[in-house]
Amino acid sequence: MTKVILYIAVSQDCFIADKEGGVGWLDKYQGGTDDCGYHEFYNSIDALVFGKNTYNQVLTFGPWPYPGKKSYIFADNDTKPANDEVEIVATDIPTFMNYLEEIGLKRLLTHFIN
């Protein structure tokens, strides 16, 4: 069975994004020397899945931040993949989860920005 793991960066006052949907408050945590185990966790993930809003936000961050991992995006057919590792999903969640199990994925990371 494929495990879905939710990962969310949340501020101390329990917000994910500011009132405009931005996540600039996370900038001060980028490039630090202590990753608190994130790289080990990330390396244990087989693939990622996002919704369209989160995907569009990630595209504003610069270079694709998830190299070497397949990313599945639940979006309409007008959404363009950022690269060969991104696949647009236009099916229901149960069908998608069955597909992941069929191809042998064990750990799926999802996180939402807004």
N, C-alpha and C. Protein backbone atom coordinates (compact mmCIF):
# COMPACT_ATOMS: atom_id res chain seq x y z
N MET A 1 0.84 -1.18 0.00
CA MET A 1 0.00 0.00 0.00
C MET A 1 0.89 1.25 0.00
N THR A 2 0.52 2.22 -0.80
CA THR A 2 1.27 3.47 -0.88
C THR A 2 0.90 4.36 0.30
N LYS A 3 1.92 4.84 1.02
CA LYS A 3 1.71 5.78 2.12
C LYS A 3 1.74 7.19 1.57
N VAL A 4 0.79 8.02 2.00
CA VAL A 4 0.79 9.43 1.64
C VAL A 4 1.21 10.21 2.88
N ILE A 5 2.29 10.99 2.75
CA ILE A 5 2.85 11.72 3.88
C ILE A 5 2.65 13.21 3.62
N LEU A 6 1.97 13.87 4.52
CA LEU A 6 1.71 15.31 4.40
C LEU A 6 2.83 16.08 5.07
N TYR A 7 3.40 17.03 4.35
CA TYR A 7 4.47 17.89 4.87
C TYR A 7 4.04 19.33 4.67
N ILE A 8 3.96 20.07 5.77
CA ILE A 8 3.54 21.47 5.70
C ILE A 8 4.46 22.32 6.57
N ALA A 9 4.95 23.41 6.00
CA ALA A 9 5.67 24.40 6.79
C ALA A 9 4.62 25.36 7.35
N VAL A 10 4.59 25.49 8.67
CA VAL A 10 3.58 26.31 9.33
C VAL A 10 4.28 27.29 10.26
N SER A 11 3.82 28.54 10.25
CA SER A 11 4.38 29.54 11.15
C SER A 11 3.94 29.26 12.58
N GLN A 12 4.57 29.93 13.54
CA GLN A 12 4.22 29.71 14.95
C GLN A 12 2.78 30.09 15.25
N ASP A 13 2.21 31.00 14.45
CA ASP A 13 0.81 31.35 14.66
C ASP A 13 -0.13 30.54 13.76
N CYS A 14 0.38 29.41 13.27
CA CYS A 14 -0.38 28.39 12.54
C CYS A 14 -0.86 28.81 11.16
N PHE A 15 -0.09 29.65 10.48
CA PHE A 15 -0.42 30.00 9.10
C PHE A 15 0.56 29.32 8.16
N ILE A 16 0.04 28.96 6.98
CA ILE A 16 0.86 28.36 5.94
C ILE A 16 1.38 29.44 5.01
N ALA A 17 0.50 30.40 4.69
CA ALA A 17 0.84 31.49 3.78
C ALA A 17 0.34 32.80 4.36
N ASP A 18 0.85 33.92 3.82
CA ASP A 18 0.34 35.22 4.26
C ASP A 18 -1.00 35.51 3.59
N LYS A 19 -1.57 36.67 3.84
CA LYS A 19 -2.90 37.00 3.33
C LYS A 19 -2.97 37.01 1.80
N GLU A 20 -1.84 37.23 1.15
CA GLU A 20 -1.80 37.23 -0.32
C GLU A 20 -1.42 35.85 -0.88
N GLY A 21 -1.27 34.85 -0.02
CA GLY A 21 -0.91 33.51 -0.47
C GLY A 21 0.59 33.28 -0.59
N GLY A 22 1.40 34.26 -0.19
CA GLY A 22 2.85 34.15 -0.30
C GLY A 22 3.47 33.38 0.86
N VAL A 23 4.65 32.87 0.60
CA VAL A 23 5.39 32.14 1.63
C VAL A 23 6.77 32.74 1.85
N GLY A 24 6.88 34.03 1.62
CA GLY A 24 8.16 34.72 1.80
C GLY A 24 8.70 34.61 3.22
N TRP A 25 7.84 34.37 4.17
CA TRP A 25 8.31 34.23 5.56
C TRP A 25 9.25 33.04 5.72
N LEU A 26 9.24 32.12 4.76
CA LEU A 26 10.14 30.96 4.82
C LEU A 26 11.55 31.27 4.32
N ASP A 27 11.72 32.40 3.64
CA ASP A 27 13.01 32.73 3.02
C ASP A 27 14.17 32.71 4.02
N LYS A 28 13.93 33.17 5.23
CA LYS A 28 15.02 33.24 6.21
C LYS A 28 15.51 31.86 6.65
N TYR A 29 14.76 30.81 6.31
CA TYR A 29 15.16 29.46 6.68
C TYR A 29 15.88 28.72 5.55
N GLN A 30 16.01 29.35 4.40
CA GLN A 30 16.67 28.73 3.26
C GLN A 30 18.19 28.82 3.41
N GLY A 31 18.86 27.77 2.99
CA GLY A 31 20.33 27.80 2.95
C GLY A 31 21.02 27.62 4.29
N GLY A 32 20.28 27.28 5.32
CA GLY A 32 20.91 27.04 6.62
C GLY A 32 21.69 25.74 6.63
N THR A 33 22.50 25.56 7.64
CA THR A 33 23.32 24.35 7.71
C THR A 33 22.61 23.19 8.40
N ASP A 34 21.56 23.46 9.17
CA ASP A 34 20.83 22.41 9.87
C ASP A 34 19.51 22.15 9.16
N ASP A 35 19.38 20.99 8.54
CA ASP A 35 18.15 20.70 7.81
C ASP A 35 17.14 19.92 8.66
N CYS A 36 17.45 19.67 9.92
CA CYS A 36 16.54 19.00 10.86
C CYS A 36 16.05 17.64 10.33
N GLY A 37 16.88 16.97 9.52
CA GLY A 37 16.53 15.66 9.01
C GLY A 37 15.74 15.67 7.71
N TYR A 38 15.55 16.86 7.12
CA TYR A 38 14.73 16.93 5.91
C TYR A 38 15.33 16.13 4.75
N HIS A 39 16.65 16.22 4.52
CA HIS A 39 17.25 15.51 3.39
C HIS A 39 17.09 13.99 3.52
N GLU A 40 17.27 13.48 4.71
CA GLU A 40 17.05 12.04 4.92
C GLU A 40 15.60 11.68 4.64
N PHE A 41 14.69 12.50 5.15
CA PHE A 41 13.26 12.29 4.90
C PHE A 41 12.96 12.36 3.40
N TYR A 42 13.45 13.40 2.72
CA TYR A 42 13.21 13.59 1.29
C TYR A 42 13.74 12.40 0.49
N ASN A 43 14.89 11.89 0.86
CA ASN A 43 15.46 10.75 0.15
C ASN A 43 14.65 9.47 0.33
N SER A 44 13.79 9.43 1.35
CA SER A 44 12.96 8.24 1.58
C SER A 44 11.65 8.28 0.79
N ILE A 45 11.41 9.37 0.07
CA ILE A 45 10.18 9.56 -0.68
C ILE A 45 10.36 9.06 -2.12
N ASP A 46 9.35 8.37 -2.63
CA ASP A 46 9.39 7.88 -4.02
C ASP A 46 8.94 8.95 -5.01
N ALA A 47 7.95 9.76 -4.64
CA ALA A 47 7.39 10.75 -5.55
C ALA A 47 6.66 11.81 -4.74
N LEU A 48 6.24 12.89 -5.43
CA LEU A 48 5.50 13.97 -4.80
C LEU A 48 4.19 14.18 -5.53
N VAL A 49 3.22 14.74 -4.84
CA VAL A 49 1.94 15.07 -5.45
C VAL A 49 1.49 16.43 -4.93
N PHE A 50 0.99 17.28 -5.84
CA PHE A 50 0.52 18.61 -5.49
C PHE A 50 -0.81 18.88 -6.17
N GLY A 51 -1.51 19.86 -5.65
CA GLY A 51 -2.63 20.44 -6.36
C GLY A 51 -2.12 21.57 -7.24
N LYS A 52 -2.99 22.09 -8.08
CA LYS A 52 -2.60 23.13 -9.04
C LYS A 52 -2.11 24.40 -8.35
N ASN A 53 -2.78 24.84 -7.28
CA ASN A 53 -2.36 26.08 -6.60
C ASN A 53 -0.97 25.96 -6.01
N THR A 54 -0.70 24.85 -5.36
CA THR A 54 0.63 24.64 -4.79
C THR A 54 1.67 24.55 -5.90
N TYR A 55 1.36 23.85 -6.96
CA TYR A 55 2.27 23.73 -8.10
C TYR A 55 2.61 25.11 -8.67
N ASN A 56 1.59 25.94 -8.88
CA ASN A 56 1.83 27.28 -9.41
C ASN A 56 2.70 28.11 -8.48
N GLN A 57 2.52 27.95 -7.17
CA GLN A 57 3.36 28.65 -6.20
C GLN A 57 4.80 28.16 -6.28
N VAL A 58 4.99 26.86 -6.36
CA VAL A 58 6.33 26.28 -6.45
C VAL A 58 7.06 26.80 -7.69
N LEU A 59 6.34 26.98 -8.78
CA LEU A 59 6.97 27.48 -10.01
C LEU A 59 7.55 28.87 -9.85
N THR A 60 7.09 29.64 -8.85
CA THR A 60 7.62 30.99 -8.62
C THR A 60 8.91 30.98 -7.82
N PHE A 61 9.33 29.83 -7.31
CA PHE A 61 10.50 29.75 -6.44
C PHE A 61 11.83 29.75 -7.18
N GLY A 62 11.81 29.66 -8.51
CA GLY A 62 13.05 29.57 -9.27
C GLY A 62 13.20 28.19 -9.85
N PRO A 63 14.43 27.66 -9.87
CA PRO A 63 14.64 26.32 -10.44
C PRO A 63 13.77 25.27 -9.71
N TRP A 64 13.37 24.26 -10.47
CA TRP A 64 12.52 23.21 -9.90
C TRP A 64 13.18 22.64 -8.64
N PRO A 65 12.51 22.71 -7.48
CA PRO A 65 13.15 22.32 -6.21
C PRO A 65 13.13 20.83 -5.90
N TYR A 66 12.61 20.01 -6.81
CA TYR A 66 12.49 18.58 -6.53
C TYR A 66 13.17 17.72 -7.59
N PRO A 67 14.44 17.97 -7.87
CA PRO A 67 15.11 17.20 -8.92
C PRO A 67 15.24 15.73 -8.51
N GLY A 68 15.12 14.87 -9.51
CA GLY A 68 15.30 13.45 -9.26
C GLY A 68 14.08 12.75 -8.70
N LYS A 69 12.98 13.47 -8.53
CA LYS A 69 11.75 12.87 -8.01
C LYS A 69 10.62 13.11 -8.99
N LYS A 70 9.85 12.09 -9.25
CA LYS A 70 8.65 12.25 -10.06
C LYS A 70 7.65 13.08 -9.26
N SER A 71 7.02 14.04 -9.92
CA SER A 71 6.00 14.88 -9.28
C SER A 71 4.71 14.76 -10.07
N TYR A 72 3.62 14.50 -9.37
CA TYR A 72 2.30 14.40 -9.97
C TYR A 72 1.49 15.61 -9.55
N ILE A 73 0.85 16.27 -10.52
CA ILE A 73 0.11 17.49 -10.25
C ILE A 73 -1.36 17.26 -10.63
N PHE A 74 -2.25 17.41 -9.65
CA PHE A 74 -3.67 17.35 -9.94
C PHE A 74 -4.09 18.70 -10.48
N ALA A 75 -4.34 18.75 -11.79
CA ALA A 75 -4.67 20.01 -12.44
C ALA A 75 -5.42 19.72 -13.74
N ASP A 76 -5.88 20.79 -14.37
CA ASP A 76 -6.58 20.63 -15.64
C ASP A 76 -5.57 20.39 -16.77
N ASN A 77 -6.07 20.00 -17.90
CA ASN A 77 -5.20 19.67 -19.03
C ASN A 77 -4.46 20.87 -19.60
N ASP A 78 -4.85 22.09 -19.23
CA ASP A 78 -4.15 23.29 -19.71
C ASP A 78 -2.85 23.55 -18.94
N THR A 79 -2.66 22.88 -17.82
CA THR A 79 -1.45 23.06 -17.01
C THR A 79 -0.28 22.37 -17.70
N LYS A 80 0.82 23.08 -17.81
CA LYS A 80 2.01 22.56 -18.50
C LYS A 80 3.01 22.02 -17.48
N PRO A 81 3.57 20.83 -17.73
CA PRO A 81 4.61 20.29 -16.84
C PRO A 81 5.87 21.15 -16.89
N ALA A 82 6.51 21.35 -15.74
CA ALA A 82 7.74 22.15 -15.65
C ALA A 82 8.92 21.45 -16.30
N ASN A 83 8.90 20.12 -16.29
CA ASN A 83 10.00 19.33 -16.86
C ASN A 83 9.53 17.90 -17.05
N ASP A 84 10.44 17.02 -17.44
CA ASP A 84 10.08 15.62 -17.70
C ASP A 84 9.72 14.84 -16.45
N GLU A 85 10.06 15.36 -15.28
CA GLU A 85 9.75 14.68 -14.03
C GLU A 85 8.36 15.04 -13.49
N VAL A 86 7.68 15.97 -14.16
CA VAL A 86 6.35 16.42 -13.73
C VAL A 86 5.29 15.83 -14.66
N GLU A 87 4.27 15.24 -14.04
CA GLU A 87 3.16 14.67 -14.81
C GLU A 87 1.85 15.26 -14.31
N ILE A 88 1.02 15.73 -15.23
CA ILE A 88 -0.28 16.27 -14.88
C ILE A 88 -1.26 15.10 -14.74
N VAL A 89 -2.00 15.10 -13.63
CA VAL A 89 -2.96 14.03 -13.33
C VAL A 89 -4.37 14.57 -13.53
N ALA A 90 -5.15 13.88 -14.33
CA ALA A 90 -6.52 14.29 -14.60
C ALA A 90 -7.46 13.12 -14.34
N THR A 91 -7.32 12.52 -13.17
CA THR A 91 -8.16 11.39 -12.79
C THR A 91 -8.58 11.57 -11.34
N ASP A 92 -9.40 10.69 -10.84
CA ASP A 92 -9.81 10.77 -9.44
C ASP A 92 -8.74 10.15 -8.54
N ILE A 93 -8.79 10.48 -7.27
CA ILE A 93 -7.76 10.05 -6.33
C ILE A 93 -7.69 8.53 -6.17
N PRO A 94 -8.82 7.81 -6.03
CA PRO A 94 -8.70 6.34 -5.90
C PRO A 94 -8.02 5.69 -7.11
N THR A 95 -8.35 6.14 -8.31
CA THR A 95 -7.71 5.59 -9.51
C THR A 95 -6.22 5.89 -9.51
N PHE A 96 -5.87 7.11 -9.12
CA PHE A 96 -4.46 7.51 -9.04
C PHE A 96 -3.70 6.67 -8.03
N MET A 97 -4.28 6.45 -6.85
CA MET A 97 -3.62 5.66 -5.81
C MET A 97 -3.44 4.21 -6.28
N ASN A 98 -4.42 3.66 -6.98
CA ASN A 98 -4.27 2.31 -7.53
C ASN A 98 -3.11 2.26 -8.52
N TYR A 99 -2.99 3.29 -9.34
CA TYR A 99 -1.89 3.37 -10.30
C TYR A 99 -0.54 3.38 -9.58
N LEU A 100 -0.42 4.18 -8.52
CA LEU A 100 0.84 4.24 -7.76
C LEU A 100 1.20 2.88 -7.19
N GLU A 101 0.22 2.17 -6.68
CA GLU A 101 0.48 0.83 -6.15
C GLU A 101 0.90 -0.13 -7.26
N GLU A 102 0.27 -0.01 -8.42
CA GLU A 102 0.61 -0.87 -9.56
C GLU A 102 2.06 -0.66 -10.00
N ILE A 103 2.55 0.58 -9.94
CA ILE A 103 3.93 0.83 -10.38
C ILE A 103 4.93 0.71 -9.23
N GLY A 104 4.44 0.35 -8.04
CA GLY A 104 5.33 0.02 -6.93
C GLY A 104 5.81 1.17 -6.07
N LEU A 105 5.15 2.33 -6.14
CA LEU A 105 5.56 3.43 -5.25
C LEU A 105 5.06 3.18 -3.84
N LYS A 106 5.93 3.40 -2.87
CA LYS A 106 5.60 3.11 -1.47
C LYS A 106 5.34 4.36 -0.64
N ARG A 107 6.08 5.46 -0.94
CA ARG A 107 5.95 6.67 -0.11
C ARG A 107 5.78 7.88 -1.02
N LEU A 108 4.67 8.57 -0.81
CA LEU A 108 4.30 9.73 -1.61
C LEU A 108 4.23 10.95 -0.71
N LEU A 109 4.95 11.99 -1.06
CA LEU A 109 4.97 13.23 -0.28
C LEU A 109 3.99 14.22 -0.89
N THR A 110 3.15 14.77 -0.07
CA THR A 110 2.30 15.87 -0.50
C THR A 110 2.45 17.01 0.49
N HIS A 111 2.48 18.22 -0.05
CA HIS A 111 2.45 19.37 0.84
C HIS A 111 1.76 20.51 0.15
N PHE A 112 1.12 21.29 0.96
CA PHE A 112 0.29 22.36 0.44
C PHE A 112 0.81 23.70 0.92
N ILE A 113 0.78 24.66 0.03
CA ILE A 113 1.25 26.00 0.37
C ILE A 113 0.06 26.91 0.63
N ASN A 114 -0.99 26.77 -0.15
CA ASN A 114 -2.19 27.58 0.09
C ASN A 114 -3.40 26.84 -0.38
